[in-house]
Amino acid sequence: MKTLRAFITFITVLCSLGIFTFPSAHANIQTYLDSNYDSWSRASYFGRGEHPVIPRQENDNISSVLNYSNTKVTYYEDGFFRGRQFEFSWSINDLTGFATNLHWGETWNDRISSVKVH
C-alpha cells in the first residue's frame, strides 16, 4: 500500500509541474511535434491555467497547436513565461509560417517553452 501511495504522490507532483499530463475532456489545446496535427506526433493536452514548464520532449519542439475551444492562449519562448510571446485564439497547423513578435527569418516552430490558457 505504501508503494502505491508513493507512486500516486510521484505522478501527482509530475502532473502539477507539467512534466506529465493526461488527456482531459476539459483540455483546451493539444500540441503536436509535427505540422498539420500529425496524430503520430501528439504531445500534450493543456487546460485552462498556467503551464510554466512544458515536458522535456516537447520543449522547443512544438510544430502545431490544435485549439479545441478557440480560447485565448499566450505562448512564450522561454519557460516560466519569459522571453518573447504571442497570443492566439485558434488552431495553428504549421508554426513554420508563423513569426509574430520575432526577428526576420525566425518562426515559432520548435520555439515554445511555456503556455497560459486563458
PDB file of N, CA and C in Angstrom:
ATOM      1  N   MET A   1       0.812  -1.189   0.000  1.00  0.00           N
ATOM      2  CA  MET A   1       0.000   0.000   0.000  1.00  0.00           C
ATOM      3  C   MET A   1       0.867   1.269   0.000  1.00  0.00           C
ATOM      4  N   LYS A   2       1.995   1.228   0.737  1.00  0.00           N
ATOM      5  CA  LYS A   2       2.884   2.390   0.772  1.00  0.00           C
ATOM      6  C   LYS A   2       3.486   2.672  -0.600  1.00  0.00           C
ATOM      7  N   THR A   3       3.786   1.606  -1.342  1.00  0.00           N
ATOM      8  CA  THR A   3       4.352   1.765  -2.679  1.00  0.00           C
ATOM      9  C   THR A   3       3.349   2.439  -3.611  1.00  0.00           C
ATOM     10  N   LEU A   4       2.088   2.032  -3.551  1.00  0.00           N
ATOM     11  CA  LEU A   4       1.048   2.644  -4.376  1.00  0.00           C
ATOM     12  C   LEU A   4       0.867   4.110  -4.005  1.00  0.00           C
ATOM     13  N   ARG A   5       0.841   4.402  -2.726  1.00  0.00           N
ATOM     14  CA  ARG A   5       0.678   5.785  -2.267  1.00  0.00           C
ATOM     15  C   ARG A   5       1.855   6.642  -2.746  1.00  0.00           C
ATOM     16  N   ALA A   6       3.059   6.115  -2.682  1.00  0.00           N
ATOM     17  CA  ALA A   6       4.246   6.840  -3.138  1.00  0.00           C
ATOM     18  C   ALA A   6       4.183   7.079  -4.647  1.00  0.00           C
ATOM     19  N   PHE A   7       3.723   6.076  -5.391  1.00  0.00           N
ATOM     20  CA  PHE A   7       3.600   6.218  -6.845  1.00  0.00           C
ATOM     21  C   PHE A   7       2.579   7.299  -7.198  1.00  0.00           C
ATOM     22  N   ILE A   8       1.438   7.283  -6.544  1.00  0.00           N
ATOM     23  CA  ILE A   8       0.392   8.286  -6.808  1.00  0.00           C
ATOM     24  C   ILE A   8       0.899   9.677  -6.464  1.00  0.00           C
ATOM     25  N   THR A   9       1.616   9.813  -5.373  1.00  0.00           N
ATOM     26  CA  THR A   9       2.189  11.103  -4.999  1.00  0.00           C
ATOM     27  C   THR A   9       3.192  11.567  -6.050  1.00  0.00           C
ATOM     28  N   PHE A  10       4.028  10.653  -6.525  1.00  0.00           N
ATOM     29  CA  PHE A  10       5.025  10.969  -7.551  1.00  0.00           C
ATOM     30  C   PHE A  10       4.350  11.459  -8.835  1.00  0.00           C
ATOM     31  N   ILE A  11       3.328  10.753  -9.309  1.00  0.00           N
ATOM     32  CA  ILE A  11       2.604  11.150 -10.523  1.00  0.00           C
ATOM     33  C   ILE A  11       1.919  12.494 -10.320  1.00  0.00           C
ATOM     34  N   THR A  12       1.343  12.721  -9.143  1.00  0.00           N
ATOM     35  CA  THR A  12       0.685  13.993  -8.844  1.00  0.00           C
ATOM     36  C   THR A  12       1.677  15.151  -8.925  1.00  0.00           C
ATOM     37  N   VAL A  13       2.866  14.962  -8.394  1.00  0.00           N
ATOM     38  CA  VAL A  13       3.898  16.005  -8.455  1.00  0.00           C
ATOM     39  C   VAL A  13       4.305  16.261  -9.908  1.00  0.00           C
ATOM     40  N   LEU A  14       4.512  15.201 -10.679  1.00  0.00           N
ATOM     41  CA  LEU A  14       4.877  15.372 -12.093  1.00  0.00           C
ATOM     42  C   LEU A  14       3.793  16.129 -12.857  1.00  0.00           C
ATOM     43  N   CYS A  15       2.529  15.801 -12.595  1.00  0.00           N
ATOM     44  CA  CYS A  15       1.417  16.487 -13.268  1.00  0.00           C
ATOM     45  C   CYS A  15       1.367  17.957 -12.862  1.00  0.00           C
ATOM     46  N   SER A  16       1.555  18.246 -11.590  1.00  0.00           N
ATOM     47  CA  SER A  16       1.479  19.632 -11.135  1.00  0.00           C
ATOM     48  C   SER A  16       2.613  20.477 -11.720  1.00  0.00           C
ATOM     49  N   LEU A  17       3.739  19.861 -12.022  1.00  0.00           N
ATOM     50  CA  LEU A  17       4.856  20.578 -12.651  1.00  0.00           C
ATOM     51  C   LEU A  17       4.724  20.646 -14.166  1.00  0.00           C
ATOM     52  N   GLY A  18       3.720  19.963 -14.728  1.00  0.00           N
ATOM     53  CA  GLY A  18       3.527  19.957 -16.171  1.00  0.00           C
ATOM     54  C   GLY A  18       4.457  19.004 -16.888  1.00  0.00           C
ATOM     55  N   ILE A  19       5.139  18.144 -16.161  1.00  0.00           N
ATOM     56  CA  ILE A  19       6.079  17.207 -16.764  1.00  0.00           C
ATOM     57  C   ILE A  19       5.347  15.998 -17.334  1.00  0.00           C
ATOM     58  N   PHE A  20       4.224  15.671 -16.745  1.00  0.00           N
ATOM     59  CA  PHE A  20       3.448  14.510 -17.175  1.00  0.00           C
ATOM     60  C   PHE A  20       1.994  14.930 -17.225  1.00  0.00           C
ATOM     61  N   THR A  21       1.307  14.704 -18.350  1.00  0.00           N
ATOM     62  CA  THR A  21      -0.084  15.123 -18.466  1.00  0.00           C
ATOM     63  C   THR A  21      -0.947  13.980 -18.966  1.00  0.00           C
ATOM     64  N   PHE A  22      -2.204  14.013 -18.577  1.00  0.00           N
ATOM     65  CA  PHE A  22      -3.200  13.059 -19.047  1.00  0.00           C
ATOM     66  C   PHE A  22      -4.161  13.784 -19.969  1.00  0.00           C
ATOM     67  N   PRO A  23      -4.653  13.131 -21.027  1.00  0.00           N
ATOM     68  CA  PRO A  23      -5.693  13.750 -21.851  1.00  0.00           C
ATOM     69  C   PRO A  23      -6.910  14.042 -20.974  1.00  0.00           C
ATOM     70  N   SER A  24      -7.539  15.146 -21.227  1.00  0.00           N
ATOM     71  CA  SER A  24      -8.681  15.542 -20.413  1.00  0.00           C
ATOM     72  C   SER A  24      -9.844  15.934 -21.299  1.00  0.00           C
ATOM     73  N   ALA A  25     -11.034  15.641 -20.823  1.00  0.00           N
ATOM     74  CA  ALA A  25     -12.230  16.066 -21.550  1.00  0.00           C
ATOM     75  C   ALA A  25     -12.334  17.586 -21.516  1.00  0.00           C
ATOM     76  N   HIS A  26     -11.606  18.229 -20.590  1.00  0.00           N
ATOM     77  CA  HIS A  26     -11.650  19.674 -20.448  1.00  0.00           C
ATOM     78  C   HIS A  26     -10.427  20.350 -21.057  1.00  0.00           C
ATOM     79  N   ALA A  27      -9.657  19.626 -21.834  1.00  0.00           N
ATOM     80  CA  ALA A  27      -8.468  20.210 -22.453  1.00  0.00           C
ATOM     81  C   ALA A  27      -8.893  21.267 -23.462  1.00  0.00           C
ATOM     82  N   ASN A  28      -8.178  22.375 -23.467  1.00  0.00           N
ATOM     83  CA  ASN A  28      -8.460  23.434 -24.414  1.00  0.00           C
ATOM     84  C   ASN A  28      -7.559  23.373 -25.640  1.00  0.00           C
ATOM     85  N   ILE A  29      -6.294  22.999 -25.435  1.00  0.00           N
ATOM     86  CA  ILE A  29      -5.392  22.893 -26.574  1.00  0.00           C
ATOM     87  C   ILE A  29      -4.615  21.582 -26.505  1.00  0.00           C
ATOM     88  N   GLN A  30      -4.175  21.158 -27.680  1.00  0.00           N
ATOM     89  CA  GLN A  30      -3.332  19.970 -27.787  1.00  0.00           C
ATOM     90  C   GLN A  30      -2.166  20.337 -28.681  1.00  0.00           C
ATOM     91  N   THR A  31      -0.969  19.976 -28.273  1.00  0.00           N
ATOM     92  CA  THR A  31       0.222  20.304 -29.055  1.00  0.00           C
ATOM     93  C   THR A  31       0.704  19.086 -29.828  1.00  0.00           C
ATOM     94  N   TYR A  32       1.396  19.343 -30.925  1.00  0.00           N
ATOM     95  CA  TYR A  32       1.937  18.288 -31.778  1.00  0.00           C
ATOM     96  C   TYR A  32       3.387  18.605 -32.115  1.00  0.00           C
ATOM     97  N   LEU A  33       4.191  17.576 -32.238  1.00  0.00           N
ATOM     98  CA  LEU A  33       5.599  17.750 -32.569  1.00  0.00           C
ATOM     99  C   LEU A  33       5.821  17.952 -34.063  1.00  0.00           C
ATOM    100  N   ASP A  34       4.809  17.637 -34.866  1.00  0.00           N
ATOM    101  CA  ASP A  34       4.885  17.829 -36.320  1.00  0.00           C
ATOM    102  C   ASP A  34       3.779  18.766 -36.774  1.00  0.00           C
ATOM    103  N   SER A  35       3.923  19.311 -37.966  1.00  0.00           N
ATOM    104  CA  SER A  35       2.905  20.209 -38.505  1.00  0.00           C
ATOM    105  C   SER A  35       1.655  19.423 -38.919  1.00  0.00           C
ATOM    106  N   ASN A  36       0.598  20.161 -39.163  1.00  0.00           N
ATOM    107  CA  ASN A  36      -0.690  19.615 -39.617  1.00  0.00           C
ATOM    108  C   ASN A  36      -1.294  18.611 -38.659  1.00  0.00           C
ATOM    109  N   TYR A  37      -1.039  18.802 -37.363  1.00  0.00           N
ATOM    110  CA  TYR A  37      -1.650  17.969 -36.315  1.00  0.00           C
ATOM    111  C   TYR A  37      -1.422  16.484 -36.564  1.00  0.00           C
ATOM    112  N   ASP A  38      -0.227  16.127 -36.962  1.00  0.00           N
ATOM    113  CA  ASP A  38       0.094  14.724 -37.232  1.00  0.00           C
ATOM    114  C   ASP A  38      -0.196  13.885 -35.999  1.00  0.00           C
ATOM    115  N   SER A  39      -1.143  12.966 -36.118  1.00  0.00           N
ATOM    116  CA  SER A  39      -1.608  12.193 -34.959  1.00  0.00           C
ATOM    117  C   SER A  39      -0.517  11.328 -34.343  1.00  0.00           C
ATOM    118  N   TRP A  40       0.504  10.992 -35.094  1.00  0.00           N
ATOM    119  CA  TRP A  40       1.588  10.167 -34.550  1.00  0.00           C
ATOM    120  C   TRP A  40       2.530  10.988 -33.686  1.00  0.00           C
ATOM    121  N   SER A  41       2.424  12.296 -33.787  1.00  0.00           N
ATOM    122  CA  SER A  41       3.328  13.132 -33.001  1.00  0.00           C
ATOM    123  C   SER A  41       2.576  13.898 -31.912  1.00  0.00           C
ATOM    124  N   ARG A  42       1.416  13.399 -31.534  1.00  0.00           N
ATOM    125  CA  ARG A  42       0.619  14.062 -30.500  1.00  0.00           C
ATOM    126  C   ARG A  42       1.455  14.226 -29.239  1.00  0.00           C
ATOM    127  N   ALA A  43       1.386  15.390 -28.643  1.00  0.00           N
ATOM    128  CA  ALA A  43       2.191  15.652 -27.456  1.00  0.00           C
ATOM    129  C   ALA A  43       1.278  15.825 -26.238  1.00  0.00           C
ATOM    130  N   SER A  44       1.113  17.038 -25.741  1.00  0.00           N
ATOM    131  CA  SER A  44       0.367  17.254 -24.501  1.00  0.00           C
ATOM    132  C   SER A  44      -0.966  17.941 -24.714  1.00  0.00           C
ATOM    133  N   TYR A  45      -1.821  17.760 -23.730  1.00  0.00           N
ATOM    134  CA  TYR A  45      -3.077  18.488 -23.640  1.00  0.00           C
ATOM    135  C   TYR A  45      -2.908  19.527 -22.543  1.00  0.00           C
ATOM    136  N   PHE A  46      -3.428  20.736 -22.783  1.00  0.00           N
ATOM    137  CA  PHE A  46      -3.355  21.784 -21.774  1.00  0.00           C
ATOM    138  C   PHE A  46      -4.743  22.358 -21.543  1.00  0.00           C
ATOM    139  N   GLY A  47      -5.164  22.393 -20.294  1.00  0.00           N
ATOM    140  CA  GLY A  47      -6.434  23.009 -19.927  1.00  0.00           C
ATOM    141  C   GLY A  47      -6.203  24.436 -19.478  1.00  0.00           C
ATOM    142  N   ARG A  48      -7.278  25.083 -19.063  1.00  0.00           N
ATOM    143  CA  ARG A  48      -7.159  26.456 -18.575  1.00  0.00           C
ATOM    144  C   ARG A  48      -6.147  26.537 -17.438  1.00  0.00           C
ATOM    145  N   GLY A  49      -5.383  27.614 -17.474  1.00  0.00           N
ATOM    146  CA  GLY A  49      -4.412  27.827 -16.411  1.00  0.00           C
ATOM    147  C   GLY A  49      -3.027  28.109 -16.962  1.00  0.00           C
ATOM    148  N   GLU A  50      -2.078  28.167 -16.057  1.00  0.00           N
ATOM    149  CA  GLU A  50      -0.696  28.473 -16.413  1.00  0.00           C
ATOM    150  C   GLU A  50       0.123  27.187 -16.452  1.00  0.00           C
ATOM    151  N   HIS A  51       0.928  27.064 -17.475  1.00  0.00           N
ATOM    152  CA  HIS A  51       1.794  25.900 -17.658  1.00  0.00           C
ATOM    153  C   HIS A  51       3.219  26.420 -17.851  1.00  0.00           C
ATOM    154  N   PRO A  52       3.928  26.691 -16.738  1.00  0.00           N
ATOM    155  CA  PRO A  52       5.247  27.329 -16.823  1.00  0.00           C
ATOM    156  C   PRO A  52       6.339  26.439 -17.396  1.00  0.00           C
ATOM    157  N   VAL A  53       6.126  25.131 -17.348  1.00  0.00           N
ATOM    158  CA  VAL A  53       7.132  24.201 -17.852  1.00  0.00           C
ATOM    159  C   VAL A  53       6.440  23.202 -18.773  1.00  0.00           C
ATOM    160  N   ILE A  54       6.908  23.120 -20.005  1.00  0.00           N
ATOM    161  CA  ILE A  54       6.400  22.130 -20.944  1.00  0.00           C
ATOM    162  C   ILE A  54       7.276  20.892 -20.812  1.00  0.00           C
ATOM    163  N   PRO A  55       6.689  19.700 -20.865  1.00  0.00           N
ATOM    164  CA  PRO A  55       7.503  18.485 -20.729  1.00  0.00           C
ATOM    165  C   PRO A  55       8.733  18.492 -21.638  1.00  0.00           C
ATOM    166  N   ARG A  56       9.815  17.923 -21.141  1.00  0.00           N
ATOM    167  CA  ARG A  56      11.124  17.980 -21.799  1.00  0.00           C
ATOM    168  C   ARG A  56      11.085  17.591 -23.281  1.00  0.00           C
ATOM    169  N   GLN A  57      10.403  16.505 -23.643  1.00  0.00           N
ATOM    170  CA  GLN A  57      10.415  16.045 -25.026  1.00  0.00           C
ATOM    171  C   GLN A  57       9.707  17.022 -25.972  1.00  0.00           C
ATOM    172  N   GLU A  58       8.892  17.915 -25.406  1.00  0.00           N
ATOM    173  CA  GLU A  58       8.164  18.879 -26.239  1.00  0.00           C
ATOM    174  C   GLU A  58       8.767  20.270 -26.211  1.00  0.00           C
ATOM    175  N   ASN A  59       9.522  20.584 -25.170  1.00  0.00           N
ATOM    176  CA  ASN A  59      10.085  21.918 -25.030  1.00  0.00           C
ATOM    177  C   ASN A  59      10.905  22.266 -26.265  1.00  0.00           C
ATOM    178  N   ASP A  60      10.541  23.364 -26.896  1.00  0.00           N
ATOM    179  CA  ASP A  60      11.183  23.805 -28.138  1.00  0.00           C
ATOM    180  C   ASP A  60      11.044  22.786 -29.267  1.00  0.00           C
ATOM    181  N   ASN A  61       9.985  21.993 -29.255  1.00  0.00           N
ATOM    182  CA  ASN A  61       9.745  21.004 -30.318  1.00  0.00           C
ATOM    183  C   ASN A  61       8.323  21.044 -30.869  1.00  0.00           C
ATOM    184  N   ILE A  62       7.507  21.988 -30.463  1.00  0.00           N
ATOM    185  CA  ILE A  62       6.103  22.054 -30.903  1.00  0.00           C
ATOM    186  C   ILE A  62       6.028  22.671 -32.288  1.00  0.00           C
ATOM    187  N   SER A  63       5.286  21.995 -33.194  1.00  0.00           N
ATOM    188  CA  SER A  63       5.159  22.473 -34.576  1.00  0.00           C
ATOM    189  C   SER A  63       3.737  22.821 -34.981  1.00  0.00           C
ATOM    190  N   SER A  64       2.734  22.349 -34.229  1.00  0.00           N
ATOM    191  CA  SER A  64       1.348  22.737 -34.494  1.00  0.00           C
ATOM    192  C   SER A  64       0.543  22.644 -33.205  1.00  0.00           C
ATOM    193  N   VAL A  65      -0.520  23.459 -33.135  1.00  0.00           N
ATOM    194  CA  VAL A  65      -1.357  23.530 -31.937  1.00  0.00           C
ATOM    195  C   VAL A  65      -2.815  23.482 -32.352  1.00  0.00           C
ATOM    196  N   LEU A  66      -3.563  22.566 -31.750  1.00  0.00           N
ATOM    197  CA  LEU A  66      -4.992  22.440 -32.012  1.00  0.00           C
ATOM    198  C   LEU A  66      -5.732  23.054 -30.838  1.00  0.00           C
ATOM    199  N   ASN A  67      -6.492  24.126 -31.097  1.00  0.00           N
ATOM    200  CA  ASN A  67      -7.235  24.837 -30.058  1.00  0.00           C
ATOM    201  C   ASN A  67      -8.693  24.414 -30.173  1.00  0.00           C
ATOM    202  N   TYR A  68      -9.141  23.556 -29.246  1.00  0.00           N
ATOM    203  CA  TYR A  68     -10.484  22.979 -29.316  1.00  0.00           C
ATOM    204  C   TYR A  68     -11.599  23.982 -29.082  1.00  0.00           C
ATOM    205  N   SER A  69     -11.338  25.012 -28.296  1.00  0.00           N
ATOM    206  CA  SER A  69     -12.426  25.897 -27.882  1.00  0.00           C
ATOM    207  C   SER A  69     -12.232  27.351 -28.293  1.00  0.00           C
ATOM    208  N   ASN A  70     -11.274  27.614 -29.177  1.00  0.00           N
ATOM    209  CA  ASN A  70     -10.952  28.983 -29.588  1.00  0.00           C
ATOM    210  C   ASN A  70     -10.713  29.895 -28.384  1.00  0.00           C
ATOM    211  N   THR A  71     -10.122  29.322 -27.359  1.00  0.00           N
ATOM    212  CA  THR A  71      -9.752  30.051 -26.151  1.00  0.00           C
ATOM    213  C   THR A  71      -8.476  30.842 -26.418  1.00  0.00           C
ATOM    214  N   LYS A  72      -8.374  32.024 -25.813  1.00  0.00           N
ATOM    215  CA  LYS A  72      -7.152  32.810 -25.970  1.00  0.00           C
ATOM    216  C   LYS A  72      -6.011  32.097 -25.248  1.00  0.00           C
ATOM    217  N   VAL A  73      -4.890  31.923 -25.949  1.00  0.00           N
ATOM    218  CA  VAL A  73      -3.713  31.252 -25.397  1.00  0.00           C
ATOM    219  C   VAL A  73      -2.501  32.143 -25.630  1.00  0.00           C
ATOM    220  N   THR A  74      -1.673  32.294 -24.595  1.00  0.00           N
ATOM    221  CA  THR A  74      -0.419  33.034 -24.736  1.00  0.00           C
ATOM    222  C   THR A  74       0.716  32.024 -24.735  1.00  0.00           C
ATOM    223  N   TYR A  75       1.536  32.083 -25.772  1.00  0.00           N
ATOM    224  CA  TYR A  75       2.677  31.182 -25.929  1.00  0.00           C
ATOM    225  C   TYR A  75       3.951  31.980 -25.654  1.00  0.00           C
ATOM    226  N   TYR A  76       4.888  31.360 -24.940  1.00  0.00           N
ATOM    227  CA  TYR A  76       6.132  32.039 -24.553  1.00  0.00           C
ATOM    228  C   TYR A  76       7.342  31.287 -25.096  1.00  0.00           C
ATOM    229  N   GLU A  77       8.355  32.067 -25.434  1.00  0.00           N
ATOM    230  CA  GLU A  77       9.587  31.499 -25.980  1.00  0.00           C
ATOM    231  C   GLU A  77      10.392  30.742 -24.925  1.00  0.00           C
ATOM    232  N   ASP A  78      10.334  31.192 -23.674  1.00  0.00           N
ATOM    233  CA  ASP A  78      11.110  30.577 -22.608  1.00  0.00           C
ATOM    234  C   ASP A  78      10.194  30.059 -21.500  1.00  0.00           C
ATOM    235  N   GLY A  79      10.738  29.183 -20.675  1.00  0.00           N
ATOM    236  CA  GLY A  79       9.989  28.659 -19.548  1.00  0.00           C
ATOM    237  C   GLY A  79       9.638  29.746 -18.544  1.00  0.00           C
ATOM    238  N   PHE A  80       8.652  29.466 -17.712  1.00  0.00           N
ATOM    239  CA  PHE A  80       8.188  30.379 -16.673  1.00  0.00           C
ATOM    240  C   PHE A  80       7.770  31.731 -17.241  1.00  0.00           C
ATOM    241  N   PHE A  81       7.170  31.701 -18.455  1.00  0.00           N
ATOM    242  CA  PHE A  81       6.537  32.865 -19.090  1.00  0.00           C
ATOM    243  C   PHE A  81       7.516  34.008 -19.350  1.00  0.00           C
ATOM    244  N   ARG A  82       8.726  33.658 -19.752  1.00  0.00           N
ATOM    245  CA  ARG A  82       9.740  34.656 -20.083  1.00  0.00           C
ATOM    246  C   ARG A  82       9.963  34.673 -21.587  1.00  0.00           C
ATOM    247  N   GLY A  83      10.655  35.691 -22.032  1.00  0.00           N
ATOM    248  CA  GLY A  83      11.009  35.808 -23.445  1.00  0.00           C
ATOM    249  C   GLY A  83       9.872  36.364 -24.288  1.00  0.00           C
ATOM    250  N   ARG A  84      10.062  36.282 -25.577  1.00  0.00           N
ATOM    251  CA  ARG A  84       9.049  36.807 -26.500  1.00  0.00           C
ATOM    252  C   ARG A  84       7.787  35.968 -26.410  1.00  0.00           C
ATOM    253  N   GLN A  85       6.669  36.568 -26.791  1.00  0.00           N
ATOM    254  CA  GLN A  85       5.389  35.890 -26.658  1.00  0.00           C
ATOM    255  C   GLN A  85       4.429  36.303 -27.760  1.00  0.00           C
ATOM    256  N   PHE A  86       3.382  35.515 -27.929  1.00  0.00           N
ATOM    257  CA  PHE A  86       2.273  35.903 -28.801  1.00  0.00           C
ATOM    258  C   PHE A  86       0.998  35.264 -28.287  1.00  0.00           C
ATOM    259  N   GLU A  87      -0.132  35.898 -28.602  1.00  0.00           N
ATOM    260  CA  GLU A  87      -1.444  35.378 -28.216  1.00  0.00           C
ATOM    261  C   GLU A  87      -2.211  34.974 -29.464  1.00  0.00           C
ATOM    262  N   PHE A  88      -2.962  33.896 -29.318  1.00  0.00           N
ATOM    263  CA  PHE A  88      -3.729  33.384 -30.442  1.00  0.00           C
ATOM    264  C   PHE A  88      -4.982  32.724 -29.902  1.00  0.00           C
ATOM    265  N   SER A  89      -6.073  32.777 -30.640  1.00  0.00           N
ATOM    266  CA  SER A  89      -7.332  32.195 -30.176  1.00  0.00           C
ATOM    267  C   SER A  89      -7.847  31.080 -31.074  1.00  0.00           C
ATOM    268  N   TRP A  90      -7.011  30.583 -31.958  1.00  0.00           N
ATOM    269  CA  TRP A  90      -7.448  29.483 -32.810  1.00  0.00           C
ATOM    270  C   TRP A  90      -6.288  28.540 -33.080  1.00  0.00           C
ATOM    271  N   SER A  91      -6.543  27.498 -33.818  1.00  0.00           N
ATOM    272  CA  SER A  91      -5.518  26.483 -34.098  1.00  0.00           C
ATOM    273  C   SER A  91      -4.474  27.006 -35.070  1.00  0.00           C
ATOM    274  N   ILE A  92      -3.279  26.456 -34.977  1.00  0.00           N
ATOM    275  CA  ILE A  92      -2.183  26.801 -35.886  1.00  0.00           C
ATOM    276  C   ILE A  92      -1.640  25.483 -36.426  1.00  0.00           C
ATOM    277  N   ASN A  93      -1.852  25.218 -37.720  1.00  0.00           N
ATOM    278  CA  ASN A  93      -1.459  23.909 -38.259  1.00  0.00           C
ATOM    279  C   ASN A  93       0.019  23.804 -38.615  1.00  0.00           C
ATOM    280  N   ASP A  94       0.705  24.937 -38.732  1.00  0.00           N
ATOM    281  CA  ASP A  94       2.128  24.877 -39.062  1.00  0.00           C
ATOM    282  C   ASP A  94       2.829  26.134 -38.541  1.00  0.00           C
ATOM    283  N   LEU A  95       3.569  25.983 -37.458  1.00  0.00           N
ATOM    284  CA  LEU A  95       4.247  27.124 -36.850  1.00  0.00           C
ATOM    285  C   LEU A  95       5.444  27.615 -37.660  1.00  0.00           C
ATOM    286  N   THR A  96       5.824  26.891 -38.712  1.00  0.00           N
ATOM    287  CA  THR A  96       6.953  27.349 -39.548  1.00  0.00           C
ATOM    288  C   THR A  96       6.600  28.634 -40.281  1.00  0.00           C
ATOM    289  N   GLY A  97       5.335  28.850 -40.530  1.00  0.00           N
ATOM    290  CA  GLY A  97       4.914  30.061 -41.232  1.00  0.00           C
ATOM    291  C   GLY A  97       4.432  31.154 -40.300  1.00  0.00           C
ATOM    292  N   PHE A  98       4.650  31.008 -39.014  1.00  0.00           N
ATOM    293  CA  PHE A  98       4.123  31.950 -38.031  1.00  0.00           C
ATOM    294  C   PHE A  98       5.279  32.657 -37.341  1.00  0.00           C
ATOM    295  N   ALA A  99       5.355  34.003 -37.488  1.00  0.00           N
ATOM    296  CA  ALA A  99       6.520  34.727 -36.988  1.00  0.00           C
ATOM    297  C   ALA A  99       6.177  35.963 -36.159  1.00  0.00           C
ATOM    298  N   THR A 100       4.982  36.049 -35.596  1.00  0.00           N
ATOM    299  CA  THR A 100       4.577  37.207 -34.807  1.00  0.00           C
ATOM    300  C   THR A 100       5.562  37.466 -33.666  1.00  0.00           C
ATOM    301  N   ASN A 101       5.998  38.734 -33.529  1.00  0.00           N
ATOM    302  CA  ASN A 101       6.909  39.200 -32.465  1.00  0.00           C
ATOM    303  C   ASN A 101       8.309  38.588 -32.523  1.00  0.00           C
ATOM    304  N   LEU A 102       8.723  38.090 -33.666  1.00  0.00           N
ATOM    305  CA  LEU A 102      10.071  37.534 -33.819  1.00  0.00           C
ATOM    306  C   LEU A 102      10.862  38.368 -34.818  1.00  0.00           C
ATOM    307  N   HIS A 103      12.159  38.139 -34.872  1.00  0.00           N
ATOM    308  CA  HIS A 103      13.005  38.823 -35.842  1.00  0.00           C
ATOM    309  C   HIS A 103      12.819  38.213 -37.229  1.00  0.00           C
ATOM    310  N   TRP A 104      13.263  38.945 -38.240  1.00  0.00           N
ATOM    311  CA  TRP A 104      13.157  38.482 -39.615  1.00  0.00           C
ATOM    312  C   TRP A 104      13.851  37.129 -39.756  1.00  0.00           C
ATOM    313  N   GLY A 105      13.193  36.184 -40.393  1.00  0.00           N
ATOM    314  CA  GLY A 105      13.759  34.862 -40.623  1.00  0.00           C
ATOM    315  C   GLY A 105      13.479  33.857 -39.524  1.00  0.00           C
ATOM    316  N   GLU A 106      12.975  34.298 -38.375  1.00  0.00           N
ATOM    317  CA  GLU A 106      12.652  33.387 -37.282  1.00  0.00           C
ATOM    318  C   GLU A 106      11.172  32.994 -37.351  1.00  0.00           C
ATOM    319  N   THR A 107      10.837  31.822 -36.864  1.00  0.00           N
ATOM    320  CA  THR A 107       9.440  31.404 -36.750  1.00  0.00           C
ATOM    321  C   THR A 107       9.221  30.802 -35.363  1.00  0.00           C
ATOM    322  N   TRP A 108       7.965  30.548 -35.027  1.00  0.00           N
ATOM    323  CA  TRP A 108       7.640  29.951 -33.733  1.00  0.00           C
ATOM    324  C   TRP A 108       7.782  28.440 -33.747  1.00  0.00           C
ATOM    325  N   ASN A 109       8.094  27.848 -34.879  1.00  0.00           N
ATOM    326  CA  ASN A 109       8.289  26.402 -34.940  1.00  0.00           C
ATOM    327  C   ASN A 109       9.440  25.998 -34.021  1.00  0.00           C
ATOM    328  N   ASP A 110       9.211  25.008 -33.177  1.00  0.00           N
ATOM    329  CA  ASP A 110      10.225  24.494 -32.242  1.00  0.00           C
ATOM    330  C   ASP A 110      10.787  25.575 -31.329  1.00  0.00           C
ATOM    331  N   ARG A 111       9.916  26.481 -30.851  1.00  0.00           N
ATOM    332  CA  ARG A 111      10.382  27.595 -30.028  1.00  0.00           C
ATOM    333  C   ARG A 111       9.560  27.772 -28.732  1.00  0.00           C
ATOM    334  N   ILE A 112       8.390  27.159 -28.606  1.00  0.00           N
ATOM    335  CA  ILE A 112       7.500  27.381 -27.449  1.00  0.00           C
ATOM    336  C   ILE A 112       7.983  26.593 -26.231  1.00  0.00           C
ATOM    337  N   SER A 113       8.043  27.289 -25.078  1.00  0.00           N
ATOM    338  CA  SER A 113       8.512  26.660 -23.845  1.00  0.00           C
ATOM    339  C   SER A 113       7.551  26.788 -22.670  1.00  0.00           C
ATOM    340  N   SER A 114       6.587  27.685 -22.731  1.00  0.00           N
ATOM    341  CA  SER A 114       5.568  27.776 -21.685  1.00  0.00           C
ATOM    342  C   SER A 114       4.293  28.353 -22.286  1.00  0.00           C
ATOM    343  N   VAL A 115       3.162  28.071 -21.603  1.00  0.00           N
ATOM    344  CA  VAL A 115       1.841  28.398 -22.157  1.00  0.00           C
ATOM    345  C   VAL A 115       0.909  28.865 -21.045  1.00  0.00           C
ATOM    346  N   LYS A 116       0.093  29.871 -21.359  1.00  0.00           N
ATOM    347  CA  LYS A 116      -1.022  30.276 -20.477  1.00  0.00           C
ATOM    348  C   LYS A 116      -2.306  30.132 -21.293  1.00  0.00           C
ATOM    349  N   VAL A 117      -3.237  29.327 -20.788  1.00  0.00           N
ATOM    350  CA  VAL A 117      -4.540  29.155 -21.440  1.00  0.00           C
ATOM    351  C   VAL A 117      -5.537  29.975 -20.632  1.00  0.00           C
ATOM    352  N   HIS A 118      -6.101  31.027 -21.235  1.00  0.00           N
ATOM    353  CA  HIS A 118      -6.981  31.984 -20.519  1.00  0.00           C
ATOM    354  C   HIS A 118      -8.413  31.499 -20.488  1.00  0.00           C
TER     355      HIS A 118
END
